[in-house]
Full PDB file with SEQRES, HELIX, SHEET, SSBOND, CRYST1, ORIGX, SCALE, CONECT and MASTER records, all heavy atoms in Angstrom:
SEQRES   1 A   32  GLU ASP SER TYR MET ASN LYS ARG HIS ILE VAL ASP SER          
SEQRES   2 A   32  TYR THR ASN LYS VAL GLU LYS GLY THR LEU LEU GLN ALA          
SEQRES   3 A   32  LYS ARG LEU ILE ASN PHE                                      
HELIX    1 AA1 ASP A    2  SER A   13  1                                  12    
HELIX    2 AA2 LYS A   20  ASN A   31  1                                  12    
CRYST1    1.000    1.000    1.000  90.00  90.00  90.00 P 1           1          
ORIGX1      1.000000  0.000000  0.000000        0.00000                         
ORIGX2      0.000000  1.000000  0.000000        0.00000                         
ORIGX3      0.000000  0.000000  1.000000        0.00000                         
SCALE1      1.000000  0.000000  0.000000        0.00000                         
SCALE2      0.000000  1.000000  0.000000        0.00000                         
SCALE3      0.000000  0.000000  1.000000        0.00000                         
ATOM      1  N   GLU A   1     -46.337  36.917 -12.343  1.00  0.00           N  
ATOM      2  CA  GLU A   1     -47.177  37.082 -13.524  1.00  0.00           C  
ATOM      3  C   GLU A   1     -47.310  38.543 -13.925  1.00  0.00           C  
ATOM      4  O   GLU A   1     -47.325  38.872 -15.119  1.00  0.00           O  
ATOM      5  CB  GLU A   1     -48.566  36.476 -13.277  1.00  0.00           C  
ATOM      6  CG  GLU A   1     -48.564  34.974 -13.046  1.00  0.00           C  
ATOM      7  CD  GLU A   1     -47.937  34.215 -14.203  1.00  0.00           C  
ATOM      8  OE1 GLU A   1     -48.055  34.662 -15.360  1.00  0.00           O  
ATOM      9  OE2 GLU A   1     -47.301  33.179 -13.948  1.00  0.00           O  
ATOM     10  N   ASP A   2     -47.378  39.440 -12.939  1.00  0.00           N  
ATOM     11  CA  ASP A   2     -47.452  40.870 -13.254  1.00  0.00           C  
ATOM     12  C   ASP A   2     -46.185  41.331 -13.969  1.00  0.00           C  
ATOM     13  O   ASP A   2     -46.242  42.098 -14.941  1.00  0.00           O  
ATOM     14  CB  ASP A   2     -47.650  41.689 -11.976  1.00  0.00           C  
ATOM     15  CG  ASP A   2     -49.049  41.545 -11.394  1.00  0.00           C  
ATOM     16  OD1 ASP A   2     -49.918  41.007 -12.100  1.00  0.00           O  
ATOM     17  OD2 ASP A   2     -49.256  41.961 -10.236  1.00  0.00           O  
ATOM     18  N   SER A   3     -45.028  40.861 -13.473  1.00  0.00           N  
ATOM     19  CA  SER A   3     -43.761  41.220 -14.102  1.00  0.00           C  
ATOM     20  C   SER A   3     -43.685  40.681 -15.521  1.00  0.00           C  
ATOM     21  O   SER A   3     -43.239  41.370 -16.448  1.00  0.00           O  
ATOM     22  CB  SER A   3     -42.602  40.677 -13.267  1.00  0.00           C  
ATOM     23  OG  SER A   3     -41.371  40.921 -13.899  1.00  0.00           O  
ATOM     24  N   TYR A   4     -44.143  39.452 -15.695  1.00  0.00           N  
ATOM     25  CA  TYR A   4     -44.143  38.806 -17.012  1.00  0.00           C  
ATOM     26  C   TYR A   4     -45.024  39.569 -18.000  1.00  0.00           C  
ATOM     27  O   TYR A   4     -44.616  39.869 -19.128  1.00  0.00           O  
ATOM     28  CB  TYR A   4     -44.615  37.368 -16.852  1.00  0.00           C  
ATOM     29  CG  TYR A   4     -44.841  36.614 -18.138  1.00  0.00           C  
ATOM     30  CD1 TYR A   4     -43.761  36.225 -18.925  1.00  0.00           C  
ATOM     31  CD2 TYR A   4     -46.121  36.265 -18.545  1.00  0.00           C  
ATOM     32  CE1 TYR A   4     -43.957  35.517 -20.104  1.00  0.00           C  
ATOM     33  CE2 TYR A   4     -46.323  35.557 -19.718  1.00  0.00           C  
ATOM     34  CZ  TYR A   4     -45.241  35.183 -20.489  1.00  0.00           C  
ATOM     35  OH  TYR A   4     -45.448  34.484 -21.652  1.00  0.00           O  
ATOM     36  N   MET A   5     -46.225  39.921 -17.570  1.00  0.00           N  
ATOM     37  CA  MET A   5     -47.148  40.620 -18.463  1.00  0.00           C  
ATOM     38  C   MET A   5     -46.636  42.018 -18.792  1.00  0.00           C  
ATOM     39  O   MET A   5     -46.814  42.499 -19.920  1.00  0.00           O  
ATOM     40  CB  MET A   5     -48.531  40.708 -17.820  1.00  0.00           C  
ATOM     41  CG  MET A   5     -49.235  39.371 -17.702  1.00  0.00           C  
ATOM     42  SD  MET A   5     -49.352  38.505 -19.316  1.00  0.00           S  
ATOM     43  CE  MET A   5     -50.312  39.699 -20.268  1.00  0.00           C  
ATOM     44  N   ASN A   6     -45.968  42.659 -17.850  1.00  0.00           N  
ATOM     45  CA  ASN A   6     -45.413  43.986 -18.111  1.00  0.00           C  
ATOM     46  C   ASN A   6     -44.380  43.936 -19.223  1.00  0.00           C  
ATOM     47  O   ASN A   6     -44.360  44.795 -20.116  1.00  0.00           O  
ATOM     48  CB  ASN A   6     -44.782  44.540 -16.834  1.00  0.00           C  
ATOM     49  CG  ASN A   6     -44.170  45.911 -17.048  1.00  0.00           C  
ATOM     50  OD1 ASN A   6     -44.841  46.858 -17.424  1.00  0.00           O  
ATOM     51  ND2 ASN A   6     -42.868  46.017 -16.811  1.00  0.00           N  
ATOM     52  N   LYS A   7     -43.545  42.903 -19.201  1.00  0.00           N  
ATOM     53  CA  LYS A   7     -42.540  42.763 -20.262  1.00  0.00           C  
ATOM     54  C   LYS A   7     -43.191  42.459 -21.612  1.00  0.00           C  
ATOM     55  O   LYS A   7     -42.723  42.925 -22.650  1.00  0.00           O  
ATOM     56  CB  LYS A   7     -41.528  41.683 -19.872  1.00  0.00           C  
ATOM     57  CG  LYS A   7     -40.542  42.144 -18.813  1.00  0.00           C  
ATOM     58  CD  LYS A   7     -39.428  41.134 -18.575  1.00  0.00           C  
ATOM     59  CE  LYS A   7     -39.861  40.061 -17.610  1.00  0.00           C  
ATOM     60  NZ  LYS A   7     -39.962  40.559 -16.239  1.00  0.00           N  
ATOM     61  N   ARG A   8     -44.259  41.676 -21.592  1.00  0.00           N  
ATOM     62  CA  ARG A   8     -44.967  41.404 -22.847  1.00  0.00           C  
ATOM     63  C   ARG A   8     -45.562  42.685 -23.427  1.00  0.00           C  
ATOM     64  O   ARG A   8     -45.554  42.885 -24.648  1.00  0.00           O  
ATOM     65  CB  ARG A   8     -46.076  40.371 -22.616  1.00  0.00           C  
ATOM     66  CG  ARG A   8     -45.578  38.964 -22.291  1.00  0.00           C  
ATOM     67  CD  ARG A   8     -44.709  38.414 -23.417  1.00  0.00           C  
ATOM     68  NE  ARG A   8     -45.409  38.332 -24.683  1.00  0.00           N  
ATOM     69  CZ  ARG A   8     -46.007  37.236 -25.153  1.00  0.00           C  
ATOM     70  NH1 ARG A   8     -45.966  36.122 -24.438  1.00  0.00           N  
ATOM     71  NH2 ARG A   8     -46.620  37.231 -26.306  1.00  0.00           N  
ATOM     72  N   HIS A   9     -46.070  43.554 -22.576  1.00  0.00           N  
ATOM     73  CA  HIS A   9     -46.620  44.836 -23.044  1.00  0.00           C  
ATOM     74  C   HIS A   9     -45.526  45.706 -23.661  1.00  0.00           C  
ATOM     75  O   HIS A   9     -45.761  46.399 -24.663  1.00  0.00           O  
ATOM     76  CB  HIS A   9     -47.286  45.582 -21.883  1.00  0.00           C  
ATOM     77  CG  HIS A   9     -48.562  44.954 -21.402  1.00  0.00           C  
ATOM     78  ND1 HIS A   9     -49.474  44.370 -22.243  1.00  0.00           N  
ATOM     79  CD2 HIS A   9     -49.076  44.811 -20.139  1.00  0.00           C  
ATOM     80  CE1 HIS A   9     -50.500  43.896 -21.554  1.00  0.00           C  
ATOM     81  NE2 HIS A   9     -50.280  44.138 -20.272  1.00  0.00           N  
ATOM     82  N   ILE A  10     -44.329  45.659 -23.055  1.00  0.00           N  
ATOM     83  CA  ILE A  10     -43.205  46.426 -23.605  1.00  0.00           C  
ATOM     84  C   ILE A  10     -42.866  45.927 -25.003  1.00  0.00           C  
ATOM     85  O   ILE A  10     -42.655  46.718 -25.929  1.00  0.00           O  
ATOM     86  CB  ILE A  10     -41.979  46.328 -22.678  1.00  0.00           C  
ATOM     87  CG1 ILE A  10     -42.242  47.055 -21.358  1.00  0.00           C  
ATOM     88  CG2 ILE A  10     -40.739  46.913 -23.363  1.00  0.00           C  
ATOM     89  CD1 ILE A  10     -41.134  46.900 -20.341  1.00  0.00           C  
ATOM     90  N   VAL A  11     -42.833  44.597 -25.174  1.00  0.00           N  
ATOM     91  CA  VAL A  11     -42.552  44.024 -26.492  1.00  0.00           C  
ATOM     92  C   VAL A  11     -43.612  44.463 -27.495  1.00  0.00           C  
ATOM     93  O   VAL A  11     -43.301  44.849 -28.628  1.00  0.00           O  
ATOM     94  CB  VAL A  11     -42.490  42.481 -26.413  1.00  0.00           C  
ATOM     95  CG1 VAL A  11     -42.395  41.873 -27.808  1.00  0.00           C  
ATOM     96  CG2 VAL A  11     -41.297  42.051 -25.579  1.00  0.00           C  
ATOM     97  N   ASP A  12     -44.869  44.423 -27.083  1.00  0.00           N  
ATOM     98  CA  ASP A  12     -45.957  44.828 -27.983  1.00  0.00           C  
ATOM     99  C   ASP A  12     -45.813  46.287 -28.411  1.00  0.00           C  
ATOM    100  O   ASP A  12     -46.124  46.642 -29.556  1.00  0.00           O  
ATOM    101  CB  ASP A  12     -47.303  44.623 -27.289  1.00  0.00           C  
ATOM    102  CG  ASP A  12     -47.649  43.147 -27.099  1.00  0.00           C  
ATOM    103  OD1 ASP A  12     -47.041  42.301 -27.796  1.00  0.00           O  
ATOM    104  OD2 ASP A  12     -48.511  42.844 -26.246  1.00  0.00           O  
ATOM    105  N   SER A  13     -45.313  47.121 -27.509  1.00  0.00           N  
ATOM    106  CA  SER A  13     -45.174  48.543 -27.820  1.00  0.00           C  
ATOM    107  C   SER A  13     -44.081  48.797 -28.853  1.00  0.00           C  
ATOM    108  O   SER A  13     -44.031  49.864 -29.459  1.00  0.00           O  
ATOM    109  CB  SER A  13     -44.887  49.343 -26.546  1.00  0.00           C  
ATOM    110  OG  SER A  13     -43.573  49.074 -26.061  1.00  0.00           O  
ATOM    111  N   TYR A  14     -43.195  47.807 -29.050  1.00  0.00           N  
ATOM    112  CA  TYR A  14     -42.104  47.933 -30.021  1.00  0.00           C  
ATOM    113  C   TYR A  14     -42.420  47.231 -31.343  1.00  0.00           C  
ATOM    114  O   TYR A  14     -41.554  47.136 -32.212  1.00  0.00           O  
ATOM    115  CB  TYR A  14     -40.811  47.356 -29.450  1.00  0.00           C  
ATOM    116  CG  TYR A  14     -40.017  48.321 -28.608  1.00  0.00           C  
ATOM    117  CD1 TYR A  14     -40.336  48.515 -27.271  1.00  0.00           C  
ATOM    118  CD2 TYR A  14     -38.951  49.037 -29.143  1.00  0.00           C  
ATOM    119  CE1 TYR A  14     -39.605  49.390 -26.486  1.00  0.00           C  
ATOM    120  CE2 TYR A  14     -38.223  49.917 -28.361  1.00  0.00           C  
ATOM    121  CZ  TYR A  14     -38.561  50.085 -27.032  1.00  0.00           C  
ATOM    122  OH  TYR A  14     -37.832  50.958 -26.254  1.00  0.00           O  
ATOM    123  N   THR A  15     -43.650  46.767 -31.513  1.00  0.00           N  
ATOM    124  CA  THR A  15     -44.001  45.948 -32.679  1.00  0.00           C  
ATOM    125  C   THR A  15     -43.625  46.611 -33.996  1.00  0.00           C  
ATOM    126  O   THR A  15     -43.107  45.967 -34.916  1.00  0.00           O  
ATOM    127  CB  THR A  15     -45.509  45.621 -32.669  1.00  0.00           C  
ATOM    128  OG1 THR A  15     -45.814  44.878 -31.482  1.00  0.00           O  
ATOM    129  CG2 THR A  15     -45.886  44.812 -33.896  1.00  0.00           C  
ATOM    130  N   ASN A  16     -43.850  47.888 -34.112  1.00  0.00           N  
ATOM    131  CA  ASN A  16     -43.585  48.594 -35.368  1.00  0.00           C  
ATOM    132  C   ASN A  16     -42.248  49.337 -35.366  1.00  0.00           C  
ATOM    133  O   ASN A  16     -41.968  50.117 -36.278  1.00  0.00           O  
ATOM    134  CB  ASN A  16     -44.721  49.586 -35.656  1.00  0.00           C  
ATOM    135  CG  ASN A  16     -46.058  48.889 -35.818  1.00  0.00           C  
ATOM    136  OD1 ASN A  16     -46.137  47.820 -36.428  1.00  0.00           O  
ATOM    137  ND2 ASN A  16     -47.103  49.487 -35.255  1.00  0.00           N  
ATOM    138  N   LYS A  17     -41.427  49.072 -34.329  1.00  0.00           N  
ATOM    139  CA  LYS A  17     -40.173  49.811 -34.202  1.00  0.00           C  
ATOM    140  C   LYS A  17     -38.940  48.954 -34.474  1.00  0.00           C  
ATOM    141  O   LYS A  17     -37.890  49.481 -34.845  1.00  0.00           O  
ATOM    142  CB  LYS A  17     -40.065  50.429 -32.801  1.00  0.00           C  
ATOM    143  CG  LYS A  17     -41.182  51.398 -32.471  1.00  0.00           C  
ATOM    144  CD  LYS A  17     -41.038  51.925 -31.048  1.00  0.00           C  
ATOM    145  CE  LYS A  17     -42.173  52.860 -30.674  1.00  0.00           C  
ATOM    146  NZ  LYS A  17     -42.061  53.358 -29.287  1.00  0.00           N  
ATOM    147  N   VAL A  18     -39.045  47.643 -34.258  1.00  0.00           N  
ATOM    148  CA  VAL A  18     -37.901  46.759 -34.479  1.00  0.00           C  
ATOM    149  C   VAL A  18     -38.337  45.608 -35.381  1.00  0.00           C  
ATOM    150  O   VAL A  18     -39.531  45.331 -35.552  1.00  0.00           O  
ATOM    151  CB  VAL A  18     -37.350  46.191 -33.142  1.00  0.00           C  
ATOM    152  CG1 VAL A  18     -36.790  47.301 -32.277  1.00  0.00           C  
ATOM    153  CG2 VAL A  18     -38.421  45.430 -32.378  1.00  0.00           C  
ATOM    154  N   GLU A  19     -37.353  44.921 -35.936  1.00  0.00           N  
ATOM    155  CA  GLU A  19     -37.647  43.850 -36.876  1.00  0.00           C  
ATOM    156  C   GLU A  19     -38.319  42.666 -36.185  1.00  0.00           C  
ATOM    157  O   GLU A  19     -38.190  42.453 -34.971  1.00  0.00           O  
ATOM    158  CB  GLU A  19     -36.362  43.394 -37.567  1.00  0.00           C  
ATOM    159  CG  GLU A  19     -35.313  42.875 -36.603  1.00  0.00           C  
ATOM    160  CD  GLU A  19     -34.004  42.550 -37.289  1.00  0.00           C  
ATOM    161  OE1 GLU A  19     -33.820  42.987 -38.438  1.00  0.00           O  
ATOM    162  OE2 GLU A  19     -33.188  41.855 -36.668  1.00  0.00           O  
ATOM    163  N   LYS A  20     -39.028  41.875 -36.975  1.00  0.00           N  
ATOM    164  CA  LYS A  20     -39.814  40.757 -36.443  1.00  0.00           C  
ATOM    165  C   LYS A  20     -38.940  39.747 -35.717  1.00  0.00           C  
ATOM    166  O   LYS A  20     -39.312  39.223 -34.665  1.00  0.00           O  
ATOM    167  CB  LYS A  20     -40.567  40.079 -37.589  1.00  0.00           C  
ATOM    168  CG  LYS A  20     -41.500  38.971 -37.139  1.00  0.00           C  
ATOM    169  CD  LYS A  20     -42.270  38.391 -38.318  1.00  0.00           C  
ATOM    170  CE  LYS A  20     -43.202  37.274 -37.857  1.00  0.00           C  
ATOM    171  NZ  LYS A  20     -43.955  36.711 -39.014  1.00  0.00           N  
ATOM    172  N   GLY A  21     -37.751  39.465 -36.269  1.00  0.00           N  
ATOM    173  CA  GLY A  21     -36.857  38.489 -35.643  1.00  0.00           C  
ATOM    174  C   GLY A  21     -36.448  38.902 -34.238  1.00  0.00           C  
ATOM    175  O   GLY A  21     -36.350  38.074 -33.331  1.00  0.00           O  
ATOM    176  N   THR A  22     -36.219  40.214 -34.048  1.00  0.00           N  
ATOM    177  CA  THR A  22     -35.856  40.723 -32.736  1.00  0.00           C  
ATOM    178  C   THR A  22     -36.989  40.526 -31.739  1.00  0.00           C  
ATOM    179  O   THR A  22     -36.780  40.128 -30.595  1.00  0.00           O  
ATOM    180  CB  THR A  22     -35.502  42.215 -32.817  1.00  0.00           C  
ATOM    181  OG1 THR A  22     -34.379  42.382 -33.677  1.00  0.00           O  
ATOM    182  CG2 THR A  22     -35.177  42.790 -31.453  1.00  0.00           C  
ATOM    183  N   LEU A  23     -38.212  40.786 -32.187  1.00  0.00           N  
ATOM    184  CA  LEU A  23     -39.375  40.609 -31.311  1.00  0.00           C  
ATOM    185  C   LEU A  23     -39.548  39.148 -30.907  1.00  0.00           C  
ATOM    186  O   LEU A  23     -39.836  38.843 -29.739  1.00  0.00           O  
ATOM    187  CB  LEU A  23     -40.639  41.102 -32.020  1.00  0.00           C  
ATOM    188  CG  LEU A  23     -40.723  42.608 -32.283  1.00  0.00           C  
ATOM    189  CD1 LEU A  23     -41.932  42.929 -33.148  1.00  0.00           C  
ATOM    190  CD2 LEU A  23     -40.803  43.369 -30.965  1.00  0.00           C  
ATOM    191  N   LEU A  24     -39.357  38.231 -31.846  1.00  0.00           N  
ATOM    192  CA  LEU A  24     -39.524  36.810 -31.551  1.00  0.00           C  
ATOM    193  C   LEU A  24     -38.482  36.343 -30.539  1.00  0.00           C  
ATOM    194  O   LEU A  24     -38.791  35.584 -29.613  1.00  0.00           O  
ATOM    195  CB  LEU A  24     -39.421  35.993 -32.839  1.00  0.00           C  
ATOM    196  CG  LEU A  24     -40.574  36.154 -33.838  1.00  0.00           C  
ATOM    197  CD1 LEU A  24     -40.286  35.390 -35.121  1.00  0.00           C  
ATOM    198  CD2 LEU A  24     -41.883  35.671 -33.215  1.00  0.00           C  
ATOM    199  N   GLN A  25     -37.230  36.794 -30.699  1.00  0.00           N  
ATOM    200  CA  GLN A  25     -36.187  36.403 -29.760  1.00  0.00           C  
ATOM    201  C   GLN A  25     -36.423  37.022 -28.384  1.00  0.00           C  
ATOM    202  O   GLN A  25     -36.164  36.391 -27.352  1.00  0.00           O  
ATOM    203  CB  GLN A  25     -34.814  36.805 -30.305  1.00  0.00           C  
ATOM    204  CG  GLN A  25     -34.419  35.989 -31.532  1.00  0.00           C  
ATOM    205  CD  GLN A  25     -33.000  36.274 -31.970  1.00  0.00           C  
ATOM    206  OE1 GLN A  25     -32.079  36.202 -31.166  1.00  0.00           O  
ATOM    207  NE2 GLN A  25     -32.825  36.600 -33.232  1.00  0.00           N  
ATOM    208  N   ALA A  26     -36.942  38.242 -28.365  1.00  0.00           N  
ATOM    209  CA  ALA A  26     -37.253  38.887 -27.093  1.00  0.00           C  
ATOM    210  C   ALA A  26     -38.332  38.106 -26.346  1.00  0.00           C  
ATOM    211  O   ALA A  26     -38.256  37.933 -25.117  1.00  0.00           O  
ATOM    212  CB  ALA A  26     -37.708  40.319 -27.323  1.00  0.00           C  
ATOM    213  N   LYS A  27     -39.315  37.616 -27.061  1.00  0.00           N  
ATOM    214  CA  LYS A  27     -40.380  36.836 -26.428  1.00  0.00           C  
ATOM    215  C   LYS A  27     -39.825  35.541 -25.845  1.00  0.00           C  
ATOM    216  O   LYS A  27     -40.264  35.082 -24.784  1.00  0.00           O  
ATOM    217  CB  LYS A  27     -41.481  36.537 -27.445  1.00  0.00           C  
ATOM    218  CG  LYS A  27     -42.301  37.764 -27.835  1.00  0.00           C  
ATOM    219  CD  LYS A  27     -43.338  37.452 -28.902  1.00  0.00           C  
ATOM    220  CE  LYS A  27     -44.124  38.701 -29.269  1.00  0.00           C  
ATOM    221  NZ  LYS A  27     -45.120  38.430 -30.346  1.00  0.00           N  
ATOM    222  N   ARG A  28     -38.843  34.926 -26.530  1.00  0.00           N  
ATOM    223  CA  ARG A  28     -38.231  33.711 -25.995  1.00  0.00           C  
ATOM    224  C   ARG A  28     -37.483  34.019 -24.698  1.00  0.00           C  
ATOM    225  O   ARG A  28     -37.549  33.267 -23.728  1.00  0.00           O  
ATOM    226  CB  ARG A  28     -37.263  33.112 -27.015  1.00  0.00           C  
ATOM    227  CG  ARG A  28     -37.924  32.566 -28.263  1.00  0.00           C  
ATOM    228  CD  ARG A  28     -36.903  31.908 -29.157  1.00  0.00           C  
ATOM    229  NE  ARG A  28     -36.423  30.674 -28.558  1.00  0.00           N  
ATOM    230  CZ  ARG A  28     -35.290  30.075 -28.925  1.00  0.00           C  
ATOM    231  NH1 ARG A  28     -34.531  30.612 -29.857  1.00  0.00           N  
ATOM    232  NH2 ARG A  28     -34.917  28.956 -28.361  1.00  0.00           N  
ATOM    233  N   LEU A  29     -36.766  35.144 -24.689  1.00  0.00           N  
ATOM    234  CA  LEU A  29     -36.061  35.552 -23.477  1.00  0.00           C  
ATOM    235  C   LEU A  29     -37.033  35.747 -22.322  1.00  0.00           C  
ATOM    236  O   LEU A  29     -36.785  35.310 -21.188  1.00  0.00           O  
ATOM    237  CB  LEU A  29     -35.313  36.862 -23.730  1.00  0.00           C  
ATOM    238  CG  LEU A  29     -33.947  36.772 -24.404  1.00  0.00           C  
ATOM    239  CD1 LEU A  29     -33.507  38.154 -24.851  1.00  0.00           C  
ATOM    240  CD2 LEU A  29     -32.924  36.180 -23.481  1.00  0.00           C  
ATOM    241  N   ILE A  30     -38.144  36.402 -22.595  1.00  0.00           N  
ATOM    242  CA  ILE A  30     -39.141  36.652 -21.565  1.00  0.00           C  
ATOM    243  C   ILE A  30     -39.715  35.338 -21.043  1.00  0.00           C  
ATOM    244  O   ILE A  30     -39.916  35.161 -19.836  1.00  0.00           O  
ATOM    245  CB  ILE A  30     -40.265  37.549 -22.127  1.00  0.00           C  
ATOM    246  CG1 ILE A  30     -39.729  38.955 -22.395  1.00  0.00           C  
ATOM    247  CG2 ILE A  30     -41.446  37.612 -21.157  1.00  0.00           C  
ATOM    248  CD1 ILE A  30     -40.692  39.838 -23.162  1.00  0.00           C  
ATOM    249  N   ASN A  31     -39.958  34.402 -21.944  1.00  0.00           N  
ATOM    250  CA  ASN A  31     -40.504  33.107 -21.528  1.00  0.00           C  
ATOM    251  C   ASN A  31     -39.530  32.340 -20.642  1.00  0.00           C  
ATOM    252  O   ASN A  31     -39.926  31.707 -19.660  1.00  0.00           O  
ATOM    253  CB  ASN A  31     -40.883  32.277 -22.754  1.00  0.00           C  
ATOM    254  CG  ASN A  31     -42.115  32.805 -23.459  1.00  0.00           C  
ATOM    255  OD1 ASN A  31     -42.935  33.496 -22.853  1.00  0.00           O  
ATOM    256  ND2 ASN A  31     -42.258  32.512 -24.741  1.00  0.00           N  
ATOM    257  N   PHE A  32     -38.238  32.380 -20.975  1.00  0.00           N  
ATOM    258  CA  PHE A  32     -37.233  31.708 -20.144  1.00  0.00           C  
ATOM    259  C   PHE A  32     -37.145  32.375 -18.774  1.00  0.00           C  
ATOM    260  O   PHE A  32     -37.037  31.701 -17.743  1.00  0.00           O  
ATOM    261  CB  PHE A  32     -35.862  31.727 -20.826  1.00  0.00           C  
ATOM    262  CG  PHE A  32     -35.756  30.853 -22.038  1.00  0.00           C  
ATOM    263  CD1 PHE A  32     -35.015  31.242 -23.138  1.00  0.00           C  
ATOM    264  CD2 PHE A  32     -36.392  29.622 -22.084  1.00  0.00           C  
ATOM    265  CE1 PHE A  32     -34.905  30.428 -24.262  1.00  0.00           C  
ATOM    266  CE2 PHE A  32     -36.298  28.802 -23.201  1.00  0.00           C  
ATOM    267  CZ  PHE A  32     -35.548  29.208 -24.291  1.00  0.00           C  
TER     268      PHE A  32                                                      
MASTER        0    0    0    2    0    0    0    6  267    1    0    3          
END                                                                             
């Protein structure tokens, strides 16, 4: 769970840096 949450924080830090579609696909990868 710590590893999972760390990756979610990384995605959040990129919210304004990459396109929305990229963020959504990254979240799917993290969930898998």
